[in-house]
Amino acid sequence: MARGLLFAVMAIDVLVVLLFAAAPRGIGPMFEAPPMVVGLPLGSLIVAIGIALHLGGLAWMVRIYRADPEAHPSSFRAARD
């Protein structure tokens, strides 16, 4: 089930990248410049933050998937004398 979830997330990511690449370019704002933050338009900065958080979450999912669930002895399953 975990593999299916990871595959679904990666498939959706590929679809989003393809749709973003295929989107037509607009003419931009006609009368005022977009707000700038650290030399980037605010919209681009928000998209970059969203992409970074999404990739961090995906990396965390892969880390959890690859972890050994039985790496340490569990106290509730310890042998009793």
PDB file of N, CA and C in Angstrom:
ATOM      1  N   MET A   1       0.820  -1.179   0.000  1.00  0.00           N
ATOM      2  CA  MET A   1       0.000   0.000   0.000  1.00  0.00           C
ATOM      3  C   MET A   1       0.877   1.262   0.000  1.00  0.00           C
ATOM      4  N   ALA A   2       1.980   1.206   0.755  1.00  0.00           N
ATOM      5  CA  ALA A   2       2.880   2.371   0.813  1.00  0.00           C
ATOM      6  C   ALA A   2       3.497   2.655  -0.555  1.00  0.00           C
ATOM      7  N   ARG A   3       3.860   1.599  -1.273  1.00  0.00           N
ATOM      8  CA  ARG A   3       4.408   1.810  -2.624  1.00  0.00           C
ATOM      9  C   ARG A   3       3.391   2.477  -3.531  1.00  0.00           C
ATOM     10  N   GLY A   4       2.143   2.058  -3.408  1.00  0.00           N
ATOM     11  CA  GLY A   4       1.083   2.662  -4.209  1.00  0.00           C
ATOM     12  C   GLY A   4       0.907   4.134  -3.906  1.00  0.00           C
ATOM     13  N   LEU A   5       0.984   4.498  -2.627  1.00  0.00           N
ATOM     14  CA  LEU A   5       0.864   5.906  -2.252  1.00  0.00           C
ATOM     15  C   LEU A   5       2.028   6.727  -2.797  1.00  0.00           C
ATOM     16  N   LEU A   6       3.241   6.187  -2.680  1.00  0.00           N
ATOM     17  CA  LEU A   6       4.401   6.910  -3.214  1.00  0.00           C
ATOM     18  C   LEU A   6       4.304   7.048  -4.728  1.00  0.00           C
ATOM     19  N   PHE A   7       3.864   5.990  -5.399  1.00  0.00           N
ATOM     20  CA  PHE A   7       3.701   6.055  -6.854  1.00  0.00           C
ATOM     21  C   PHE A   7       2.646   7.101  -7.228  1.00  0.00           C
ATOM     22  N   ALA A   8       1.533   7.138  -6.484  1.00  0.00           N
ATOM     23  CA  ALA A   8       0.474   8.104  -6.779  1.00  0.00           C
ATOM     24  C   ALA A   8       0.974   9.537  -6.618  1.00  0.00           C
ATOM     25  N   VAL A   9       1.729   9.800  -5.557  1.00  0.00           N
ATOM     26  CA  VAL A   9       2.258  11.150  -5.336  1.00  0.00           C
ATOM     27  C   VAL A   9       3.212  11.535  -6.461  1.00  0.00           C
ATOM     28  N   MET A  10       4.089  10.611  -6.847  1.00  0.00           N
ATOM     29  CA  MET A  10       5.044  10.923  -7.917  1.00  0.00           C
ATOM     30  C   MET A  10       4.341  11.095  -9.260  1.00  0.00           C
ATOM     31  N   ALA A  11       3.297  10.310  -9.513  1.00  0.00           N
ATOM     32  CA  ALA A  11       2.537  10.458 -10.757  1.00  0.00           C
ATOM     33  C   ALA A  11       1.832  11.808 -10.799  1.00  0.00           C
ATOM     34  N   ILE A  12       1.258  12.224  -9.676  1.00  0.00           N
ATOM     35  CA  ILE A  12       0.607  13.538  -9.616  1.00  0.00           C
ATOM     36  C   ILE A  12       1.638  14.647  -9.819  1.00  0.00           C
ATOM     37  N   ASP A  13       2.830  14.479  -9.249  1.00  0.00           N
ATOM     38  CA  ASP A  13       3.894  15.479  -9.438  1.00  0.00           C
ATOM     39  C   ASP A  13       4.269  15.614 -10.908  1.00  0.00           C
ATOM     40  N   VAL A  14       4.402  14.488 -11.590  1.00  0.00           N
ATOM     41  CA  VAL A  14       4.745  14.525 -13.022  1.00  0.00           C
ATOM     42  C   VAL A  14       3.632  15.226 -13.794  1.00  0.00           C
ATOM     43  N   LEU A  15       2.386  14.919 -13.466  1.00  0.00           N
ATOM     44  CA  LEU A  15       1.262  15.569 -14.139  1.00  0.00           C
ATOM     45  C   LEU A  15       1.266  17.078 -13.895  1.00  0.00           C
ATOM     46  N   VAL A  16       1.520  17.501 -12.677  1.00  0.00           N
ATOM     47  CA  VAL A  16       1.548  18.933 -12.360  1.00  0.00           C
ATOM     48  C   VAL A  16       2.672  19.629 -13.127  1.00  0.00           C
ATOM     49  N   VAL A  17       3.842  18.998 -13.194  1.00  0.00           N
ATOM     50  CA  VAL A  17       4.962  19.599 -13.942  1.00  0.00           C
ATOM     51  C   VAL A  17       4.606  19.716 -15.417  1.00  0.00           C
ATOM     52  N   LEU A  18       3.987  18.673 -15.987  1.00  0.00           N
ATOM     53  CA  LEU A  18       3.600  18.738 -17.401  1.00  0.00           C
ATOM     54  C   LEU A  18       2.557  19.822 -17.650  1.00  0.00           C
ATOM     55  N   LEU A  19       1.573  19.935 -16.755  1.00  0.00           N
ATOM     56  CA  LEU A  19       0.563  20.978 -16.916  1.00  0.00           C
ATOM     57  C   LEU A  19       1.163  22.376 -16.756  1.00  0.00           C
ATOM     58  N   PHE A  20       2.096  22.522 -15.817  1.00  0.00           N
ATOM     59  CA  PHE A  20       2.752  23.814 -15.623  1.00  0.00           C
ATOM     60  C   PHE A  20       3.579  24.185 -16.857  1.00  0.00           C
ATOM     61  N   ALA A  21       4.269  23.201 -17.435  1.00  0.00           N
ATOM     62  CA  ALA A  21       5.088  23.471 -18.615  1.00  0.00           C
ATOM     63  C   ALA A  21       4.218  23.784 -19.836  1.00  0.00           C
ATOM     64  N   ALA A  22       3.030  23.207 -19.909  1.00  0.00           N
ATOM     65  CA  ALA A  22       2.163  23.404 -21.065  1.00  0.00           C
ATOM     66  C   ALA A  22       1.252  24.627 -20.932  1.00  0.00           C
ATOM     67  N   ALA A  23       1.254  25.281 -19.790  1.00  0.00           N
ATOM     68  CA  ALA A  23       0.364  26.429 -19.575  1.00  0.00           C
ATOM     69  C   ALA A  23       0.770  27.591 -20.479  1.00  0.00           C
ATOM     70  N   PRO A  24      -0.203  28.250 -21.068  1.00  0.00           N
ATOM     71  CA  PRO A  24       0.128  29.411 -21.891  1.00  0.00           C
ATOM     72  C   PRO A  24       0.587  30.581 -21.027  1.00  0.00           C
ATOM     73  N   ARG A  25       1.462  31.372 -21.567  1.00  0.00           N
ATOM     74  CA  ARG A  25       1.939  32.562 -20.849  1.00  0.00           C
ATOM     75  C   ARG A  25       0.934  33.685 -21.022  1.00  0.00           C
ATOM     76  N   GLY A  26       0.636  34.363 -19.930  1.00  0.00           N
ATOM     77  CA  GLY A  26      -0.255  35.511 -19.998  1.00  0.00           C
ATOM     78  C   GLY A  26       0.526  36.755 -20.373  1.00  0.00           C
ATOM     79  N   ILE A  27      -0.198  37.832 -20.570  1.00  0.00           N
ATOM     80  CA  ILE A  27       0.481  39.071 -20.922  1.00  0.00           C
ATOM     81  C   ILE A  27       0.987  39.799 -19.689  1.00  0.00           C
ATOM     82  N   GLY A  28       0.572  39.348 -18.514  1.00  0.00           N
ATOM     83  CA  GLY A  28       1.035  39.986 -17.290  1.00  0.00           C
ATOM     84  C   GLY A  28       0.117  41.113 -16.879  1.00  0.00           C
ATOM     85  N   PRO A  29       0.419  41.739 -15.780  1.00  0.00           N
ATOM     86  CA  PRO A  29      -0.419  42.850 -15.317  1.00  0.00           C
ATOM     87  C   PRO A  29      -0.282  44.046 -16.258  1.00  0.00           C
ATOM     88  N   MET A  30      -1.400  44.731 -16.477  1.00  0.00           N
ATOM     89  CA  MET A  30      -1.383  45.826 -17.435  1.00  0.00           C
ATOM     90  C   MET A  30      -0.945  47.153 -16.819  1.00  0.00           C
ATOM     91  N   PHE A  31      -1.306  47.397 -15.544  1.00  0.00           N
ATOM     92  CA  PHE A  31      -1.088  48.730 -15.011  1.00  0.00           C
ATOM     93  C   PHE A  31      -0.137  48.803 -13.836  1.00  0.00           C
ATOM     94  N   GLU A  32       0.037  47.719 -13.093  1.00  0.00           N
ATOM     95  CA  GLU A  32       0.939  47.812 -11.952  1.00  0.00           C
ATOM     96  C   GLU A  32       1.821  46.572 -11.891  1.00  0.00           C
ATOM     97  N   ALA A  33       3.011  46.781 -11.394  1.00  0.00           N
ATOM     98  CA  ALA A  33       3.969  45.680 -11.278  1.00  0.00           C
ATOM     99  C   ALA A  33       3.584  44.789 -10.095  1.00  0.00           C
ATOM    100  N   PRO A  34       3.852  43.486 -10.196  1.00  0.00           N
ATOM    101  CA  PRO A  34       3.528  42.605  -9.065  1.00  0.00           C
ATOM    102  C   PRO A  34       4.414  42.926  -7.868  1.00  0.00           C
ATOM    103  N   PRO A  35       3.932  42.660  -6.651  1.00  0.00           N
ATOM    104  CA  PRO A  35       4.750  42.936  -5.472  1.00  0.00           C
ATOM    105  C   PRO A  35       6.010  42.072  -5.474  1.00  0.00           C
ATOM    106  N   MET A  36       7.124  42.684  -5.067  1.00  0.00           N
ATOM    107  CA  MET A  36       8.404  41.991  -5.081  1.00  0.00           C
ATOM    108  C   MET A  36       8.860  41.725  -3.649  1.00  0.00           C
ATOM    109  N   VAL A  37       9.424  40.533  -3.450  1.00  0.00           N
ATOM    110  CA  VAL A  37      10.008  40.159  -2.167  1.00  0.00           C
ATOM    111  C   VAL A  37      11.364  39.539  -2.471  1.00  0.00           C
ATOM    112  N   VAL A  38      12.426  40.087  -1.954  1.00  0.00           N
ATOM    113  CA  VAL A  38      13.805  39.613  -2.142  1.00  0.00           C
ATOM    114  C   VAL A  38      14.129  39.491  -3.633  1.00  0.00           C
ATOM    115  N   GLY A  39      13.649  40.417  -4.423  1.00  0.00           N
ATOM    116  CA  GLY A  39      13.967  40.439  -5.844  1.00  0.00           C
ATOM    117  C   GLY A  39      13.130  39.496  -6.688  1.00  0.00           C
ATOM    118  N   LEU A  40      12.186  38.784  -6.111  1.00  0.00           N
ATOM    119  CA  LEU A  40      11.312  37.879  -6.848  1.00  0.00           C
ATOM    120  C   LEU A  40       9.863  38.331  -6.702  1.00  0.00           C
ATOM    121  N   PRO A  41       9.056  38.091  -7.727  1.00  0.00           N
ATOM    122  CA  PRO A  41       7.628  38.378  -7.550  1.00  0.00           C
ATOM    123  C   PRO A  41       7.054  37.510  -6.431  1.00  0.00           C
ATOM    124  N   LEU A  42       6.127  38.054  -5.680  1.00  0.00           N
ATOM    125  CA  LEU A  42       5.553  37.359  -4.533  1.00  0.00           C
ATOM    126  C   LEU A  42       4.942  36.017  -4.935  1.00  0.00           C
ATOM    127  N   GLY A  43       4.269  35.964  -6.067  1.00  0.00           N
ATOM    128  CA  GLY A  43       3.663  34.715  -6.538  1.00  0.00           C
ATOM    129  C   GLY A  43       4.704  33.634  -6.768  1.00  0.00           C
ATOM    130  N   SER A  44       5.834  33.996  -7.366  1.00  0.00           N
ATOM    131  CA  SER A  44       6.901  33.022  -7.617  1.00  0.00           C
ATOM    132  C   SER A  44       7.506  32.527  -6.312  1.00  0.00           C
ATOM    133  N   LEU A  45       7.640  33.427  -5.350  1.00  0.00           N
ATOM    134  CA  LEU A  45       8.190  33.037  -4.053  1.00  0.00           C
ATOM    135  C   LEU A  45       7.264  32.052  -3.340  1.00  0.00           C
ATOM    136  N   ILE A  46       5.956  32.285  -3.405  1.00  0.00           N
ATOM    137  CA  ILE A  46       4.992  31.375  -2.778  1.00  0.00           C
ATOM    138  C   ILE A  46       5.030  30.006  -3.451  1.00  0.00           C
ATOM    139  N   VAL A  47       5.122  29.986  -4.776  1.00  0.00           N
ATOM    140  CA  VAL A  47       5.209  28.709  -5.499  1.00  0.00           C
ATOM    141  C   VAL A  47       6.491  27.975  -5.128  1.00  0.00           C
ATOM    142  N   ALA A  48       7.607  28.681  -5.026  1.00  0.00           N
ATOM    143  CA  ALA A  48       8.882  28.052  -4.667  1.00  0.00           C
ATOM    144  C   ALA A  48       8.828  27.454  -3.257  1.00  0.00           C
ATOM    145  N   ILE A  49       8.217  28.173  -2.324  1.00  0.00           N
ATOM    146  CA  ILE A  49       8.078  27.651  -0.958  1.00  0.00           C
ATOM    147  C   ILE A  49       7.200  26.400  -0.962  1.00  0.00           C
ATOM    148  N   GLY A  50       6.108  26.417  -1.716  1.00  0.00           N
ATOM    149  CA  GLY A  50       5.229  25.255  -1.809  1.00  0.00           C
ATOM    150  C   GLY A  50       5.925  24.046  -2.398  1.00  0.00           C
ATOM    151  N   ILE A  51       6.723  24.250  -3.435  1.00  0.00           N
ATOM    152  CA  ILE A  51       7.465  23.145  -4.051  1.00  0.00           C
ATOM    153  C   ILE A  51       8.486  22.584  -3.069  1.00  0.00           C
ATOM    154  N   ALA A  52       9.181  23.457  -2.364  1.00  0.00           N
ATOM    155  CA  ALA A  52      10.184  22.991  -1.392  1.00  0.00           C
ATOM    156  C   ALA A  52       9.533  22.184  -0.273  1.00  0.00           C
ATOM    157  N   LEU A  53       8.389  22.641   0.237  1.00  0.00           N
ATOM    158  CA  LEU A  53       7.697  21.905   1.291  1.00  0.00           C
ATOM    159  C   LEU A  53       7.168  20.565   0.777  1.00  0.00           C
ATOM    160  N   HIS A  54       6.670  20.548  -0.440  1.00  0.00           N
ATOM    161  CA  HIS A  54       6.175  19.296  -1.020  1.00  0.00           C
ATOM    162  C   HIS A  54       7.307  18.283  -1.188  1.00  0.00           C
ATOM    163  N   LEU A  55       8.438  18.721  -1.697  1.00  0.00           N
ATOM    164  CA  LEU A  55       9.575  17.808  -1.862  1.00  0.00           C
ATOM    165  C   LEU A  55      10.107  17.336  -0.517  1.00  0.00           C
ATOM    166  N   GLY A  56      10.082  18.194   0.488  1.00  0.00           N
ATOM    167  CA  GLY A  56      10.481  17.777   1.833  1.00  0.00           C
ATOM    168  C   GLY A  56       9.540  16.709   2.381  1.00  0.00           C
ATOM    169  N   GLY A  57       8.236  16.883   2.164  1.00  0.00           N
ATOM    170  CA  GLY A  57       7.263  15.883   2.595  1.00  0.00           C
ATOM    171  C   GLY A  57       7.433  14.570   1.856  1.00  0.00           C
ATOM    172  N   LEU A  58       7.723  14.636   0.567  1.00  0.00           N
ATOM    173  CA  LEU A  58       7.963  13.420  -0.213  1.00  0.00           C
ATOM    174  C   LEU A  58       9.210  12.700   0.281  1.00  0.00           C
ATOM    175  N   ALA A  59      10.255  13.441   0.565  1.00  0.00           N
ATOM    176  CA  ALA A  59      11.481  12.831   1.102  1.00  0.00           C
ATOM    177  C   ALA A  59      11.208  12.186   2.455  1.00  0.00           C
ATOM    178  N   TRP A  60      10.382  12.825   3.273  1.00  0.00           N
ATOM    179  CA  TRP A  60      10.025  12.253   4.581  1.00  0.00           C
ATOM    180  C   TRP A  60       9.232  10.952   4.393  1.00  0.00           C
ATOM    181  N   MET A  61       8.321  10.914   3.422  1.00  0.00           N
ATOM    182  CA  MET A  61       7.563   9.704   3.147  1.00  0.00           C
ATOM    183  C   MET A  61       8.484   8.560   2.714  1.00  0.00           C
ATOM    184  N   VAL A  62       9.448   8.864   1.853  1.00  0.00           N
ATOM    185  CA  VAL A  62      10.391   7.835   1.402  1.00  0.00           C
ATOM    186  C   VAL A  62      11.226   7.354   2.576  1.00  0.00           C
ATOM    187  N   ARG A  63      11.626   8.264   3.458  1.00  0.00           N
ATOM    188  CA  ARG A  63      12.410   7.882   4.635  1.00  0.00           C
ATOM    189  C   ARG A  63      11.621   6.944   5.536  1.00  0.00           C
ATOM    190  N   ILE A  64      10.355   7.254   5.761  1.00  0.00           N
ATOM    191  CA  ILE A  64       9.512   6.394   6.582  1.00  0.00           C
ATOM    192  C   ILE A  64       9.328   5.035   5.909  1.00  0.00           C
ATOM    193  N   TYR A  65       9.143   5.038   4.594  1.00  0.00           N
ATOM    194  CA  TYR A  65       8.928   3.795   3.856  1.00  0.00           C
ATOM    195  C   TYR A  65      10.153   2.879   3.949  1.00  0.00           C
ATOM    196  N   ARG A  66      11.342   3.460   3.891  1.00  0.00           N
ATOM    197  CA  ARG A  66      12.566   2.660   3.894  1.00  0.00           C
ATOM    198  C   ARG A  66      13.034   2.276   5.298  1.00  0.00           C
ATOM    199  N   ALA A  67      12.450   2.840   6.327  1.00  0.00           N
ATOM    200  CA  ALA A  67      12.885   2.567   7.698  1.00  0.00           C
ATOM    201  C   ALA A  67      12.513   1.139   8.101  1.00  0.00           C
ATOM    202  N   ASP A  68      13.332   0.550   8.954  1.00  0.00           N
ATOM    203  CA  ASP A  68      13.076  -0.787   9.474  1.00  0.00           C
ATOM    204  C   ASP A  68      12.161  -0.659  10.693  1.00  0.00           C
ATOM    205  N   PRO A  69      10.926  -1.177  10.608  1.00  0.00           N
ATOM    206  CA  PRO A  69      10.015  -1.013  11.736  1.00  0.00           C
ATOM    207  C   PRO A  69      10.415  -1.845  12.954  1.00  0.00           C
ATOM    208  N   GLU A  70      11.268  -2.822  12.784  1.00  0.00           N
ATOM    209  CA  GLU A  70      11.702  -3.683  13.888  1.00  0.00           C
ATOM    210  C   GLU A  70      13.171  -3.430  14.236  1.00  0.00           C
ATOM    211  N   ALA A  71      13.598  -2.198  14.150  1.00  0.00           N
ATOM    212  CA  ALA A  71      15.009  -1.873  14.368  1.00  0.00           C
ATOM    213  C   ALA A  71      15.422  -1.977  15.832  1.00  0.00           C
ATOM    214  N   HIS A  72      14.494  -1.889  16.745  1.00  0.00           N
ATOM    215  CA  HIS A  72      14.828  -1.950  18.166  1.00  0.00           C
ATOM    216  C   HIS A  72      13.856  -2.896  18.858  1.00  0.00           C
ATOM    217  N   PRO A  73      14.263  -3.494  19.943  1.00  0.00           N
ATOM    218  CA  PRO A  73      13.334  -4.385  20.656  1.00  0.00           C
ATOM    219  C   PRO A  73      12.226  -3.574  21.336  1.00  0.00           C
ATOM    220  N   SER A  74      11.031  -4.022  21.184  1.00  0.00           N
ATOM    221  CA  SER A  74       9.903  -3.330  21.802  1.00  0.00           C
ATOM    222  C   SER A  74       9.740  -3.784  23.241  1.00  0.00           C
ATOM    223  N   SER A  75       9.463  -2.853  24.115  1.00  0.00           N
ATOM    224  CA  SER A  75       9.354  -3.181  25.536  1.00  0.00           C
ATOM    225  C   SER A  75       8.121  -4.040  25.820  1.00  0.00           C
ATOM    226  N   PHE A  76       7.054  -3.858  25.062  1.00  0.00           N
ATOM    227  CA  PHE A  76       5.853  -4.629  25.349  1.00  0.00           C
ATOM    228  C   PHE A  76       5.952  -6.075  24.846  1.00  0.00           C
ATOM    229  N   ARG A  77       6.960  -6.372  24.013  1.00  0.00           N
ATOM    230  CA  ARG A  77       7.135  -7.738  23.528  1.00  0.00           C
ATOM    231  C   ARG A  77       8.362  -8.400  24.170  1.00  0.00           C
ATOM    232  N   ALA A  78       8.901  -7.802  25.197  1.00  0.00           N
ATOM    233  CA  ALA A  78      10.106  -8.342  25.812  1.00  0.00           C
ATOM    234  C   ALA A  78       9.786  -9.675  26.485  1.00  0.00           C
ATOM    235  N   ALA A  79      10.752 -10.580  26.439  1.00  0.00           N
ATOM    236  CA  ALA A  79      10.557 -11.883  27.073  1.00  0.00           C
ATOM    237  C   ALA A  79      10.525 -11.715  28.589  1.00  0.00           C
ATOM    238  N   ARG A  80       9.609 -12.408  29.223  1.00  0.00           N
ATOM    239  CA  ARG A  80       9.479 -12.309  30.684  1.00  0.00           C
ATOM    240  C   ARG A  80      10.146 -13.511  31.339  1.00  0.00           C
ATOM    241  N   ASP A  81      10.806 -13.281  32.449  1.00  0.00           N
ATOM    242  CA  ASP A  81      11.484 -14.376  33.151  1.00  0.00           C
ATOM    243  C   ASP A  81      10.550 -15.123  34.053  1.00  0.00           C
TER     244      ASP A  81
END
